[in-house]
Amino acid sequence: MTHISCDDKADAVRSLARIYRVDVGEVARVADGNWPTFILESPDSWNDLFQSPYIPSLMAQHLSARPDWEFGEVAYYHRTAYDGSADWFEDGLLASHEGAKAFLNKIAGIVSLDGDDHAIAMANIRDRECCEGPGAGGPYAFDVFDNARYADQAGMDYSLPEFFMGNSWADKYGVCYAAPILESLRNKLKPVVVKFSGKSSDPDAYITNLWQYVFRAWIGEPMGVTSHFPCTFCGEGKTVSPDRIIQIIDLGGLAGDPTSEFS
């Protein structure tokens, strides 16, 4: 069965139709301009409107439909880097500690690492988790493919692990990141998005993300690359198993729709 997801506008429309249990054409008509009055009459404040928790219900009234609140797992998008082979993810998407160890082992033959690098990386993960609330420990993922695709332009390159950044690197490299390691990895690894299935921590927020995505597509104002839609996946430090990986989307030279199927 095709997953509820947000690869692009058409995919978001299809997913909304499934959630609201209506024909795709009904949602498509909304997406093409048949928006409710409360949105069309607020051209300067629509961004605030989509912060409302009532959007799923208000759009249900507009469609004369009732959403299926138990829509189950949806597709999420994890941005990372790999060597170009699907077996890079043969163990799935690991949580922060296990993922860090696995990543460091995988790149051992690609870049030169010493004991200090390993220790600093793990210390950074511990520091990050102490600052985070529920859902800490990864894996982390976006609700919308576009957010993952352009995540290297949002002030931080999410292709590479955040444990290579932080104040603890300053004593060794003079800057707050592992500069030589990151430079080498950017040259030798490829950016990739792993699409996987997971349960939404906030179904209302997920539905609202889809509506806002479709509305932004209609007005020609996509989410800026320095921001992203609210994330509704909470990894909680648990591995995403390999059988939940839907697709590996290689971003190197990506020109159209994702086509690289995971098998």
C-alpha atoms as a PDB file:
ATOM      1  CA  MET A   1       0.000   0.000   0.000  1.00  0.00           C
ATOM      2  CA  THR A   2       1.268   3.475  -0.881  1.00  0.00           C
ATOM      3  CA  HIS A   3       2.260   5.438   2.192  1.00  0.00           C
ATOM      4  CA  ILE A   4       0.863   8.789   3.251  1.00  0.00           C
ATOM      5  CA  SER A   5       3.738  11.110   2.412  1.00  0.00           C
ATOM      6  CA  CYS A   6       4.832  14.462   1.030  1.00  0.00           C
ATOM      7  CA  ASP A   7       7.271  13.936  -1.831  1.00  0.00           C
ATOM      8  CA  ASP A   8       5.728  16.856  -3.733  1.00  0.00           C
ATOM      9  CA  LYS A   9       2.417  18.703  -4.197  1.00  0.00           C
ATOM     10  CA  ALA A  10       0.671  15.851  -6.008  1.00  0.00           C
ATOM     11  CA  ASP A  11       1.759  13.424  -3.312  1.00  0.00           C
ATOM     12  CA  ALA A  12       0.485  15.740  -0.568  1.00  0.00           C
ATOM     13  CA  VAL A  13      -2.882  16.048  -2.354  1.00  0.00           C
ATOM     14  CA  ARG A  14      -3.116  12.262  -2.664  1.00  0.00           C
ATOM     15  CA  SER A  15      -2.260  11.838   1.007  1.00  0.00           C
ATOM     16  CA  LEU A  16      -4.839  14.396   2.151  1.00  0.00           C
ATOM     17  CA  ALA A  17      -7.511  12.686   0.065  1.00  0.00           C
ATOM     18  CA  ARG A  18      -6.690   9.422   1.773  1.00  0.00           C
ATOM     19  CA  ILE A  19      -6.749  10.987   5.240  1.00  0.00           C
ATOM     20  CA  TYR A  20     -10.098  12.709   4.610  1.00  0.00           C
ATOM     21  CA  ARG A  21     -11.472   9.705   2.730  1.00  0.00           C
ATOM     22  CA  VAL A  22     -12.507  11.708  -0.320  1.00  0.00           C
ATOM     23  CA  ASP A  23     -11.693  11.550  -4.017  1.00  0.00           C
ATOM     24  CA  VAL A  24      -8.318  12.998  -4.989  1.00  0.00           C
ATOM     25  CA  GLY A  25     -10.134  15.412  -7.283  1.00  0.00           C
ATOM     26  CA  GLU A  26     -11.869  17.072  -4.335  1.00  0.00           C
ATOM     27  CA  VAL A  27      -8.590  17.922  -2.629  1.00  0.00           C
ATOM     28  CA  ALA A  28      -7.054  18.872  -5.985  1.00  0.00           C
ATOM     29  CA  ARG A  29      -9.788  21.480  -6.495  1.00  0.00           C
ATOM     30  CA  VAL A  30      -8.885  23.038  -3.163  1.00  0.00           C
ATOM     31  CA  ALA A  31      -5.192  22.912  -4.043  1.00  0.00           C
ATOM     32  CA  ASP A  32      -5.926  24.696  -7.331  1.00  0.00           C
ATOM     33  CA  GLY A  33      -7.703  27.632  -5.672  1.00  0.00           C
ATOM     34  CA  ASN A  34     -10.917  26.526  -3.995  1.00  0.00           C
ATOM     35  CA  TRP A  35      -9.647  27.470  -0.551  1.00  0.00           C
ATOM     36  CA  PRO A  36     -12.037  28.346   2.292  1.00  0.00           C
ATOM     37  CA  THR A  37     -12.946  31.986   2.782  1.00  0.00           C
ATOM     38  CA  PHE A  38     -11.170  32.301   6.122  1.00  0.00           C
ATOM     39  CA  ILE A  39      -7.868  31.646   4.340  1.00  0.00           C
ATOM     40  CA  LEU A  40      -8.497  33.667   1.176  1.00  0.00           C
ATOM     41  CA  GLU A  41      -9.641  36.706   3.172  1.00  0.00           C
ATOM     42  CA  SER A  42      -6.452  36.715   5.233  1.00  0.00           C
ATOM     43  CA  PRO A  43      -3.685  37.191   2.633  1.00  0.00           C
ATOM     44  CA  ASP A  44      -1.390  38.895   5.136  1.00  0.00           C
ATOM     45  CA  SER A  45      -1.885  36.495   8.012  1.00  0.00           C
ATOM     46  CA  TRP A  46      -2.228  33.053   6.425  1.00  0.00           C
ATOM     47  CA  ASN A  47       1.078  32.016   7.958  1.00  0.00           C
ATOM     48  CA  ASP A  48      -0.417  32.555  11.415  1.00  0.00           C
ATOM     49  CA  LEU A  49      -3.574  30.694  10.403  1.00  0.00           C
ATOM     50  CA  PHE A  50      -1.588  27.540   9.743  1.00  0.00           C
ATOM     51  CA  GLN A  51      -0.342  27.634  13.326  1.00  0.00           C
ATOM     52  CA  SER A  52      -3.888  26.945  14.487  1.00  0.00           C
ATOM     53  CA  PRO A  53      -4.630  23.455  15.861  1.00  0.00           C
ATOM     54  CA  TYR A  54      -8.074  23.684  14.238  1.00  0.00           C
ATOM     55  CA  ILE A  55      -6.894  23.564  10.614  1.00  0.00           C
ATOM     56  CA  PRO A  56      -7.598  19.803  10.190  1.00  0.00           C
ATOM     57  CA  SER A  57     -11.191  20.245  11.398  1.00  0.00           C
ATOM     58  CA  LEU A  58     -11.808  23.483   9.486  1.00  0.00           C
ATOM     59  CA  MET A  59     -10.596  21.890   6.259  1.00  0.00           C
ATOM     60  CA  ALA A  60     -12.806  18.882   7.002  1.00  0.00           C
ATOM     61  CA  GLN A  61     -15.807  21.220   7.078  1.00  0.00           C
ATOM     62  CA  HIS A  62     -14.705  22.751   3.793  1.00  0.00           C
ATOM     63  CA  LEU A  63     -14.517  19.289   2.209  1.00  0.00           C
ATOM     64  CA  SER A  64     -17.725  18.132   3.907  1.00  0.00           C
ATOM     65  CA  ALA A  65     -15.685  15.203   5.118  1.00  0.00           C
ATOM     66  CA  ARG A  66     -14.287  13.725   8.273  1.00  0.00           C
ATOM     67  CA  PRO A  67     -10.593  12.902   8.595  1.00  0.00           C
ATOM     68  CA  ASP A  68      -9.433   9.474   9.614  1.00  0.00           C
ATOM     69  CA  TRP A  69      -7.536  10.351  12.780  1.00  0.00           C
ATOM     70  CA  GLU A  70      -6.108   6.831  12.905  1.00  0.00           C
ATOM     71  CA  PHE A  71      -4.263   7.033   9.599  1.00  0.00           C
ATOM     72  CA  GLY A  72      -1.345   5.030  10.937  1.00  0.00           C
ATOM     73  CA  GLU A  73       2.274   5.373   9.898  1.00  0.00           C
ATOM     74  CA  VAL A  74       3.405   7.983   7.395  1.00  0.00           C
ATOM     75  CA  ALA A  75       6.609   8.577   5.458  1.00  0.00           C
ATOM     76  CA  TYR A  76       9.399  10.668   6.934  1.00  0.00           C
ATOM     77  CA  TYR A  77      12.629  11.953   5.399  1.00  0.00           C
ATOM     78  CA  HIS A  78      16.028  11.590   7.087  1.00  0.00           C
ATOM     79  CA  ARG A  79      18.891  13.629   5.593  1.00  0.00           C
ATOM     80  CA  THR A  80      22.368  12.132   5.820  1.00  0.00           C
ATOM     81  CA  ALA A  81      25.366  11.073   3.703  1.00  0.00           C
ATOM     82  CA  TYR A  82      26.562   7.691   2.453  1.00  0.00           C
ATOM     83  CA  ASP A  83      29.076   6.025   0.152  1.00  0.00           C
ATOM     84  CA  GLY A  84      26.545   5.361  -2.608  1.00  0.00           C
ATOM     85  CA  SER A  85      25.649   1.800  -1.664  1.00  0.00           C
ATOM     86  CA  ALA A  86      22.305   0.648  -0.230  1.00  0.00           C
ATOM     87  CA  ASP A  87      24.057  -1.640   2.257  1.00  0.00           C
ATOM     88  CA  TRP A  88      25.227   1.500   4.078  1.00  0.00           C
ATOM     89  CA  PHE A  89      21.756   1.313   5.683  1.00  0.00           C
ATOM     90  CA  GLU A  90      21.591  -2.455   6.108  1.00  0.00           C
ATOM     91  CA  ASP A  91      21.057  -2.001   9.860  1.00  0.00           C
ATOM     92  CA  GLY A  92      18.399   0.674   9.365  1.00  0.00           C
ATOM     93  CA  LEU A  93      18.596   4.181  10.804  1.00  0.00           C
ATOM     94  CA  LEU A  94      20.270   3.985  14.180  1.00  0.00           C
ATOM     95  CA  ALA A  95      19.745   6.175  17.232  1.00  0.00           C
ATOM     96  CA  SER A  96      22.330   8.777  18.197  1.00  0.00           C
ATOM     97  CA  HIS A  97      24.853   6.709  20.171  1.00  0.00           C
ATOM     98  CA  GLU A  98      24.677   3.564  18.046  1.00  0.00           C
ATOM     99  CA  GLY A  99      24.508   5.636  14.867  1.00  0.00           C
ATOM    100  CA  ALA A 100      27.557   7.658  15.823  1.00  0.00           C
ATOM    101  CA  LYS A 101      29.624   4.554  16.507  1.00  0.00           C
ATOM    102  CA  ALA A 102      28.485   2.924  13.256  1.00  0.00           C
ATOM    103  CA  PHE A 103      29.194   6.073  11.226  1.00  0.00           C
ATOM    104  CA  LEU A 104      32.651   6.494  12.728  1.00  0.00           C
ATOM    105  CA  ASN A 105      33.444   2.863  11.928  1.00  0.00           C
ATOM    106  CA  LYS A 106      32.212   3.237   8.346  1.00  0.00           C
ATOM    107  CA  ILE A 107      34.313   6.320   7.638  1.00  0.00           C
ATOM    108  CA  ALA A 108      37.474   4.905   9.241  1.00  0.00           C
ATOM    109  CA  GLY A 109      38.760   3.931   5.816  1.00  0.00           C
ATOM    110  CA  ILE A 110      37.754   7.254   4.265  1.00  0.00           C
ATOM    111  CA  VAL A 111      39.220   9.821   6.661  1.00  0.00           C
ATOM    112  CA  SER A 112      41.910   9.767   9.303  1.00  0.00           C
ATOM    113  CA  LEU A 113      40.463   9.662  12.832  1.00  0.00           C
ATOM    114  CA  ASP A 114      42.157   9.313  16.194  1.00  0.00           C
ATOM    115  CA  GLY A 115      40.941   8.497  19.679  1.00  0.00           C
ATOM    116  CA  ASP A 116      40.285  12.149  20.494  1.00  0.00           C
ATOM    117  CA  ASP A 117      37.926  12.457  17.530  1.00  0.00           C
ATOM    118  CA  HIS A 118      35.836   9.524  18.757  1.00  0.00           C
ATOM    119  CA  ALA A 119      35.726  10.855  22.316  1.00  0.00           C
ATOM    120  CA  ILE A 120      34.750  14.387  21.288  1.00  0.00           C
ATOM    121  CA  ALA A 121      32.030  13.099  18.963  1.00  0.00           C
ATOM    122  CA  MET A 122      30.416  10.992  21.683  1.00  0.00           C
ATOM    123  CA  ALA A 123      30.685  13.836  24.211  1.00  0.00           C
ATOM    124  CA  ASN A 124      28.850  16.121  21.788  1.00  0.00           C
ATOM    125  CA  ILE A 125      25.994  13.627  21.527  1.00  0.00           C
ATOM    126  CA  ARG A 126      25.674  13.425  25.304  1.00  0.00           C
ATOM    127  CA  ASP A 127      25.630  17.228  25.564  1.00  0.00           C
ATOM    128  CA  ARG A 128      22.947  17.508  22.887  1.00  0.00           C
ATOM    129  CA  GLU A 129      20.668  14.948  24.498  1.00  0.00           C
ATOM    130  CA  CYS A 130      20.886  16.756  27.836  1.00  0.00           C
ATOM    131  CA  CYS A 131      19.502  19.876  26.146  1.00  0.00           C
ATOM    132  CA  GLU A 132      16.637  18.119  24.369  1.00  0.00           C
ATOM    133  CA  GLY A 133      13.274  17.061  25.691  1.00  0.00           C
ATOM    134  CA  PRO A 134      11.053  14.086  24.794  1.00  0.00           C
ATOM    135  CA  GLY A 135      12.036  12.349  21.571  1.00  0.00           C
ATOM    136  CA  ALA A 136      15.750  12.930  22.099  1.00  0.00           C
ATOM    137  CA  GLY A 137      18.259  10.389  20.904  1.00  0.00           C
ATOM    138  CA  GLY A 138      17.304  10.317  17.243  1.00  0.00           C
ATOM    139  CA  PRO A 139      16.900   9.339  14.537  1.00  0.00           C
ATOM    140  CA  TYR A 140      15.695  12.732  13.321  1.00  0.00           C
ATOM    141  CA  ALA A 141      13.565  13.343  10.254  1.00  0.00           C
ATOM    142  CA  PHE A 142      11.497  15.892   8.339  1.00  0.00           C
ATOM    143  CA  ASP A 143       7.797  15.607   7.449  1.00  0.00           C
ATOM    144  CA  VAL A 144       8.364  17.038   3.952  1.00  0.00           C
ATOM    145  CA  PHE A 145      10.846  15.864   1.313  1.00  0.00           C
ATOM    146  CA  ASP A 146      11.731  19.412   0.238  1.00  0.00           C
ATOM    147  CA  ASN A 147      12.918  20.221   3.766  1.00  0.00           C
ATOM    148  CA  ALA A 148      15.263  17.230   3.714  1.00  0.00           C
ATOM    149  CA  ARG A 149      16.397  17.879   0.155  1.00  0.00           C
ATOM    150  CA  TYR A 150      17.522  21.431   0.933  1.00  0.00           C
ATOM    151  CA  ALA A 151      18.679  20.813   4.503  1.00  0.00           C
ATOM    152  CA  ASP A 152      22.263  21.686   3.572  1.00  0.00           C
ATOM    153  CA  GLN A 153      21.160  25.306   3.059  1.00  0.00           C
ATOM    154  CA  ALA A 154      19.455  25.860   6.416  1.00  0.00           C
ATOM    155  CA  GLY A 155      22.443  27.224   8.298  1.00  0.00           C
ATOM    156  CA  MET A 156      23.762  23.728   8.991  1.00  0.00           C
ATOM    157  CA  ASP A 157      24.526  20.854   6.641  1.00  0.00           C
ATOM    158  CA  TYR A 158      22.346  18.009   7.899  1.00  0.00           C
ATOM    159  CA  SER A 159      24.062  15.611   5.494  1.00  0.00           C
ATOM    160  CA  LEU A 160      26.804  15.088   8.050  1.00  0.00           C
ATOM    161  CA  PRO A 161      26.392  14.228  11.745  1.00  0.00           C
ATOM    162  CA  GLU A 162      26.045  17.141  14.126  1.00  0.00           C
ATOM    163  CA  PHE A 163      28.510  15.497  16.505  1.00  0.00           C
ATOM    164  CA  PHE A 164      31.245  16.925  14.271  1.00  0.00           C
ATOM    165  CA  MET A 165      30.162  20.398  15.431  1.00  0.00           C
ATOM    166  CA  GLY A 166      30.294  21.996  18.861  1.00  0.00           C
ATOM    167  CA  ASN A 167      32.520  23.953  21.208  1.00  0.00           C
ATOM    168  CA  SER A 168      34.421  20.844  22.256  1.00  0.00           C
ATOM    169  CA  TRP A 169      36.207  20.779  18.881  1.00  0.00           C
ATOM    170  CA  ALA A 170      37.722  24.227  19.414  1.00  0.00           C
ATOM    171  CA  ASP A 171      40.658  23.049  21.523  1.00  0.00           C
ATOM    172  CA  LYS A 172      41.755  20.645  18.814  1.00  0.00           C
ATOM    173  CA  TYR A 173      40.976  22.519  15.590  1.00  0.00           C
ATOM    174  CA  GLY A 174      40.659  26.149  16.681  1.00  0.00           C
ATOM    175  CA  VAL A 175      37.066  26.343  15.438  1.00  0.00           C
ATOM    176  CA  CYS A 176      33.799  24.903  16.761  1.00  0.00           C
ATOM    177  CA  TYR A 177      33.705  22.029  14.298  1.00  0.00           C
ATOM    178  CA  ALA A 178      35.959  19.256  13.014  1.00  0.00           C
ATOM    179  CA  ALA A 179      37.000  21.230   9.946  1.00  0.00           C
ATOM    180  CA  PRO A 180      39.372  18.766   8.207  1.00  0.00           C
ATOM    181  CA  ILE A 181      37.087  15.796   8.843  1.00  0.00           C
ATOM    182  CA  LEU A 182      33.993  17.566   7.495  1.00  0.00           C
ATOM    183  CA  GLU A 183      35.831  18.821   4.420  1.00  0.00           C
ATOM    184  CA  SER A 184      37.047  15.324   3.596  1.00  0.00           C
ATOM    185  CA  LEU A 185      33.611  13.754   4.113  1.00  0.00           C
ATOM    186  CA  ARG A 186      31.913  16.336   1.875  1.00  0.00           C
ATOM    187  CA  ASN A 187      34.335  15.384  -0.883  1.00  0.00           C
ATOM    188  CA  LYS A 188      34.056  11.623  -0.457  1.00  0.00           C
ATOM    189  CA  LEU A 189      30.447  10.932   0.603  1.00  0.00           C
ATOM    190  CA  LYS A 190      27.192  11.638  -1.206  1.00  0.00           C
ATOM    191  CA  PRO A 191      24.161  13.486   0.215  1.00  0.00           C
ATOM    192  CA  VAL A 192      21.110  11.256   0.529  1.00  0.00           C
ATOM    193  CA  VAL A 193      17.578  11.266   1.925  1.00  0.00           C
ATOM    194  CA  VAL A 194      16.262   8.079   3.487  1.00  0.00           C
ATOM    195  CA  LYS A 195      12.478   7.859   3.247  1.00  0.00           C
ATOM    196  CA  PHE A 196      11.018   5.603   5.919  1.00  0.00           C
ATOM    197  CA  SER A 197       7.730   4.847   7.629  1.00  0.00           C
ATOM    198  CA  GLY A 198       7.019   5.967  11.170  1.00  0.00           C
ATOM    199  CA  LYS A 199       4.216   6.940  13.500  1.00  0.00           C
ATOM    200  CA  SER A 200       3.380  10.629  13.837  1.00  0.00           C
ATOM    201  CA  SER A 201       3.674  12.062  17.335  1.00  0.00           C
ATOM    202  CA  ASP A 202       1.054  14.684  16.427  1.00  0.00           C
ATOM    203  CA  PRO A 203      -1.448  13.709  13.690  1.00  0.00           C
ATOM    204  CA  ASP A 204      -3.092  17.161  13.743  1.00  0.00           C
ATOM    205  CA  ALA A 205       0.238  18.889  13.157  1.00  0.00           C
ATOM    206  CA  TYR A 206       1.089  16.429  10.377  1.00  0.00           C
ATOM    207  CA  ILE A 207      -2.205  17.109   8.575  1.00  0.00           C
ATOM    208  CA  THR A 208      -1.663  20.853   8.989  1.00  0.00           C
ATOM    209  CA  ASN A 209       1.814  20.508   7.479  1.00  0.00           C
ATOM    210  CA  LEU A 210       0.305  18.897   4.384  1.00  0.00           C
ATOM    211  CA  TRP A 211      -2.299  21.665   4.001  1.00  0.00           C
ATOM    212  CA  GLN A 212       0.270  24.407   4.471  1.00  0.00           C
ATOM    213  CA  TYR A 213       2.607  22.721   1.978  1.00  0.00           C
ATOM    214  CA  VAL A 214      -0.158  22.552  -0.636  1.00  0.00           C
ATOM    215  CA  PHE A 215      -1.218  26.151   0.036  1.00  0.00           C
ATOM    216  CA  ARG A 216       2.346  27.404  -0.281  1.00  0.00           C
ATOM    217  CA  ALA A 217       2.608  25.574  -3.601  1.00  0.00           C
ATOM    218  CA  TRP A 218      -0.569  27.326  -4.813  1.00  0.00           C
ATOM    219  CA  ILE A 219       0.673  30.832  -3.947  1.00  0.00           C
ATOM    220  CA  GLY A 220       4.190  30.078  -5.174  1.00  0.00           C
ATOM    221  CA  GLU A 221       5.843  30.666  -1.814  1.00  0.00           C
ATOM    222  CA  PRO A 222       7.613  27.507  -0.639  1.00  0.00           C
ATOM    223  CA  MET A 223       9.052  27.241   2.849  1.00  0.00           C
ATOM    224  CA  GLY A 224      12.342  29.139   3.002  1.00  0.00           C
ATOM    225  CA  VAL A 225      15.507  27.047   3.113  1.00  0.00           C
ATOM    226  CA  THR A 226      16.421  28.548   6.488  1.00  0.00           C
ATOM    227  CA  SER A 227      13.305  27.042   8.066  1.00  0.00           C
ATOM    228  CA  HIS A 228      11.214  23.882   7.892  1.00  0.00           C
ATOM    229  CA  PHE A 229       7.761  22.548   8.694  1.00  0.00           C
ATOM    230  CA  PRO A 230       7.263  21.337  12.278  1.00  0.00           C
ATOM    231  CA  CYS A 231       8.656  17.821  12.640  1.00  0.00           C
ATOM    232  CA  THR A 232       6.217  15.238  13.982  1.00  0.00           C
ATOM    233  CA  PHE A 233       8.553  12.235  14.136  1.00  0.00           C
ATOM    234  CA  CYS A 234      10.117  11.485  17.528  1.00  0.00           C
ATOM    235  CA  GLY A 235      12.885   8.914  17.298  1.00  0.00           C
ATOM    236  CA  GLU A 236      13.097   8.468  21.071  1.00  0.00           C
ATOM    237  CA  GLY A 237      16.475   6.798  20.701  1.00  0.00           C
ATOM    238  CA  LYS A 238      15.057   3.773  18.885  1.00  0.00           C
ATOM    239  CA  THR A 239      16.376   2.279  15.644  1.00  0.00           C
ATOM    240  CA  VAL A 240      14.308   2.533  12.472  1.00  0.00           C
ATOM    241  CA  SER A 241      14.536  -1.053  11.240  1.00  0.00           C
ATOM    242  CA  PRO A 242      15.602  -1.803   7.643  1.00  0.00           C
ATOM    243  CA  ASP A 243      12.148  -3.122   6.727  1.00  0.00           C
ATOM    244  CA  ARG A 244      10.682   0.334   7.392  1.00  0.00           C
ATOM    245  CA  ILE A 245      12.947   2.018   4.860  1.00  0.00           C
ATOM    246  CA  ILE A 246      10.848   2.855   1.808  1.00  0.00           C
ATOM    247  CA  GLN A 247      13.352   4.569  -0.453  1.00  0.00           C
ATOM    248  CA  ILE A 248      16.929   5.758  -0.653  1.00  0.00           C
ATOM    249  CA  ILE A 249      16.955   9.050  -2.547  1.00  0.00           C
ATOM    250  CA  ASP A 250      20.431   9.920  -3.802  1.00  0.00           C
ATOM    251  CA  LEU A 251      20.648  13.715  -4.056  1.00  0.00           C
ATOM    252  CA  GLY A 252      23.721  13.711  -6.247  1.00  0.00           C
ATOM    253  CA  GLY A 253      22.483  15.156  -9.528  1.00  0.00           C
ATOM    254  CA  LEU A 254      18.815  14.682  -8.583  1.00  0.00           C
ATOM    255  CA  ALA A 255      16.809  16.217 -11.404  1.00  0.00           C
ATOM    256  CA  GLY A 256      13.269  14.978 -10.875  1.00  0.00           C
ATOM    257  CA  ASP A 257      11.168  12.711  -8.736  1.00  0.00           C
ATOM    258  CA  PRO A 258      12.996  10.244  -6.468  1.00  0.00           C
ATOM    259  CA  THR A 259      13.471   6.899  -8.178  1.00  0.00           C
ATOM    260  CA  SER A 260      16.026   4.906  -6.198  1.00  0.00           C
ATOM    261  CA  GLU A 261      14.038   2.121  -4.557  1.00  0.00           C
ATOM    262  CA  PHE A 262      15.362   0.432  -1.438  1.00  0.00           C
ATOM    263  CA  SER A 263      15.502  -3.323  -1.660  1.00  0.00           C
END
